[in-house]
Protein backbone atom coordinates (compact mmCIF):
# COMPACT_ATOMS: atom_id res chain seq x y z
CA MET A 1 -33.73 -4.63 -44.38
CA THR A 2 -31.93 -3.10 -41.46
CA PRO A 3 -34.42 -1.98 -38.45
CA LEU A 4 -34.41 2.14 -38.37
CA PRO A 5 -35.93 4.24 -36.05
CA LYS A 6 -39.24 5.80 -37.33
CA ARG A 7 -39.08 9.14 -35.51
CA LYS A 8 -36.02 11.10 -34.35
CA HIS A 9 -35.49 10.64 -30.27
CA SER A 10 -35.45 14.13 -28.52
CA LYS A 11 -32.60 15.64 -26.89
CA GLY A 12 -33.95 15.43 -23.52
CA ARG A 13 -34.59 11.49 -24.17
CA ARG A 14 -30.94 11.07 -25.48
CA ASN A 15 -29.40 13.07 -22.74
CA ARG A 16 -31.34 10.85 -20.11
CA ARG A 17 -29.89 7.89 -21.46
CA ARG A 18 -26.30 9.48 -21.27
CA ALA A 19 -26.64 10.58 -18.09
CA HIS A 20 -25.52 7.50 -16.45
CA ASP A 21 -22.38 7.26 -18.55
CA ALA A 22 -20.06 9.52 -16.95
CA LEU A 23 -16.90 8.11 -15.36
CA GLN A 24 -16.90 7.57 -11.71
CA SER A 25 -13.58 8.23 -9.60
CA LYS A 26 -11.98 5.42 -8.35
CA GLN A 27 -12.39 4.32 -4.66
CA LEU A 28 -9.01 5.20 -2.72
CA SER A 29 -8.22 4.72 0.55
CA VAL A 30 -5.36 5.59 2.68
CA CYS A 31 -2.50 3.04 3.49
CA ALA A 32 -2.42 2.06 7.46
CA ASN A 33 1.49 1.82 7.03
CA CYS A 34 2.57 4.63 4.91
CA GLY A 35 -0.31 6.79 4.90
CA GLU A 36 -0.41 7.29 0.90
CA LEU A 37 -3.65 6.79 -1.01
CA HIS A 38 -4.18 3.43 -2.86
CA LEU A 39 -7.04 1.49 -4.45
CA SER A 40 -9.49 -0.14 -2.13
CA HIS A 41 -8.71 -3.80 -1.43
CA CYS A 42 -5.36 -3.77 -3.45
CA ILE A 43 -1.89 -4.03 -2.51
CA CYS A 44 -0.32 -0.33 -1.64
CA GLU A 45 1.87 0.26 -4.48
CA HIS A 46 4.21 2.63 -2.28
CA CYS A 47 4.96 0.30 0.49
CA GLY A 48 3.63 -3.06 -0.35
CA HIS A 49 1.28 -3.59 2.40
CA TYR A 50 -2.11 -5.10 2.63
CA GLY A 51 -4.34 -5.90 5.24
CA GLY A 52 -1.79 -4.98 8.04
CA ARG A 53 0.94 -7.35 6.76
CA SER A 54 3.85 -6.73 4.33
CA ILE A 55 2.95 -8.62 0.95
CA LEU A 56 5.25 -7.34 -1.34
CA GLU A 57 9.10 -5.94 -1.09
CA VAL A 58 9.01 -2.79 -2.73
CA GLU A 59 12.36 -1.29 -4.44
CA ARG A 60 12.97 2.48 -3.29
């Protein structure tokens, strides 16, 4: 036998459970070298800098 609920969950109970499921926006920070937005703790895709150093050579 498969387990089934005995009673229907109310809409309020369902919505309270789903209240935490919304997608969060990504954490963006400003590049100190070029000023573009990039993901925090990641190399800047536009200029290739991270932590004040050039990590990658980016083709323009």
